[in-house]
C-alpha cells in the first residue's frame, strides 16, 4: 500500500508475497545426479570417471588428464586439511 507521494505506508510491504523460494543449488543438483544408479549397479559418478579415465588413457586427451590430475590434487588437499584438523582437535583435547 502506498501513500499519495508513492511511498510505502509504514508497516506495509511492497512485496507481500515475499521473496520467491530459491531452487536447489547447482552443486546439490550435480551431486544428486551423480549418486543415481547408471546401467546396472554402478553410479553415474563411476560411469563418468570410467569414461574420463578411458579418454585420458586411450585417446591421449590432455584435457581429460588435466581434469583427473586436478581432482586428485583437490582430494589430496582435502584429506590433508582433514588430517590437520584432526591433529588440532586432538591437541585441543589434550592428546598427543
Protein backbone atom coordinates (compact mmCIF):
# COMPACT_ATOMS: atom_id res chain seq x y z
CA UNK A 1 0.00 0.00 0.00
CA UNK A 2 1.37 3.43 -0.97
CA UNK A 3 0.56 6.97 0.13
CA UNK A 4 -0.13 9.95 -2.17
CA UNK A 5 3.57 10.55 -2.84
CA UNK A 6 4.14 6.95 -3.90
CA UNK A 7 5.98 5.82 -0.78
CA UNK A 8 5.07 2.63 1.02
CA UNK A 9 2.92 3.17 4.09
CA UNK A 10 4.70 2.21 7.30
CA UNK A 11 4.03 -1.43 8.17
CA UNK A 12 3.09 -2.50 4.62
CA UNK A 13 5.47 -4.36 2.35
CA UNK A 14 5.97 -3.68 -1.33
CA UNK A 15 6.27 -7.42 -1.79
CA UNK A 16 3.52 -9.00 0.31
CA UNK A 17 4.11 -12.48 -1.11
CA UNK A 18 7.77 -12.29 -0.05
CA UNK A 19 10.82 -13.47 -1.92
CA UNK A 20 10.17 -16.47 -4.16
CA UNK A 21 11.64 -19.76 -2.94
CA UNK A 22 15.11 -20.50 -4.25
CA UNK A 23 15.65 -23.58 -6.31
CA UNK A 24 18.14 -26.25 -5.42
CA UNK A 25 21.79 -25.12 -5.54
CA UNK A 26 23.72 -26.24 -8.62
CA UNK A 27 26.30 -28.36 -6.72
CA UNK A 28 23.44 -30.19 -4.98
CA UNK A 29 21.77 -30.92 -8.31
CA UNK A 30 25.03 -32.27 -9.77
CA UNK A 31 25.75 -34.36 -6.67
CA UNK A 32 22.24 -35.85 -6.68
CA UNK A 33 22.57 -36.80 -10.35
CA UNK A 34 26.00 -38.36 -9.83
CA UNK A 35 24.66 -40.52 -6.99
CA UNK A 36 21.89 -42.03 -9.14
CA UNK A 37 22.44 -45.54 -10.50
CA UNK A 38 23.65 -45.92 -14.06
CA UNK A 39 23.22 -49.03 -16.20
CA UNK A 40 23.33 -51.67 -13.52
CA UNK A 41 24.98 -51.36 -10.15
CA UNK A 42 27.45 -48.53 -10.63
CA UNK A 43 26.62 -44.89 -10.07
CA UNK A 44 26.61 -42.11 -12.64
CA UNK A 45 29.77 -40.83 -10.91
CA UNK A 46 31.54 -44.15 -11.52
CA UNK A 47 30.42 -44.15 -15.17
CA UNK A 48 31.70 -40.58 -15.64
CA UNK A 49 35.06 -41.40 -14.07
CA UNK A 50 35.45 -44.57 -16.17
CA UNK A 51 34.81 -42.56 -19.34
CA UNK A 52 37.17 -39.80 -18.25
CA UNK A 53 39.97 -42.26 -17.44
CA UNK A 54 39.37 -44.12 -20.69
CA UNK A 55 39.71 -40.89 -22.66
CA UNK A 56 42.88 -39.95 -20.82
CA UNK A 57 44.45 -43.36 -21.49
CA UNK A 58 43.12 -44.33 -24.92
CA UNK A 59 42.54 -41.02 -26.70
CA UNK A 60 45.60 -39.28 -25.28
CA UNK A 61 43.28 -36.48 -24.17
CA UNK A 62 45.31 -33.89 -22.30
CA UNK A 63 42.10 -32.24 -21.17
CA UNK A 64 40.87 -35.48 -19.55
CA UNK A 65 44.27 -35.98 -17.95
CA UNK A 66 44.21 -32.45 -16.54
CA UNK A 67 40.73 -32.98 -15.06
CA UNK A 68 41.85 -36.21 -13.39
CA UNK A 69 45.01 -34.56 -12.06
CA UNK A 70 43.02 -31.62 -10.68
CA UNK A 71 40.58 -33.99 -8.99
CA UNK A 72 43.43 -35.95 -7.42
CA UNK A 73 45.16 -32.80 -6.17
CA UNK A 74 41.94 -31.41 -4.70
CA UNK A 75 41.20 -34.72 -2.98
CA UNK A 76 44.72 -34.79 -1.57
CA UNK A 77 44.37 -31.23 -0.26
CA UNK A 78 41.03 -32.04 1.37
CA UNK A 79 42.42 -35.15 3.08
CA UNK A 80 45.46 -33.19 4.26
CA UNK A 81 43.22 -30.47 5.68
CA UNK A 82 41.07 -33.07 7.44
CA UNK A 83 44.20 -34.73 8.87
CA UNK A 84 45.44 -31.35 10.10
CA UNK A 85 42.05 -30.59 11.62
CA UNK A 86 42.06 -33.97 13.41
CA UNK A 87 45.51 -33.26 14.86
CA UNK A 88 44.46 -29.79 16.06
CA UNK A 89 41.32 -31.21 17.65
CA UNK A 90 43.39 -33.88 19.44
CA UNK A 91 45.79 -31.24 20.73
CA UNK A 92 42.90 -29.10 21.98
CA UNK A 93 41.54 -32.09 23.89
CA UNK A 94 44.95 -32.68 25.47
CA UNK A 95 46.02 -35.54 23.22
CA UNK A 96 49.39 -36.04 21.58
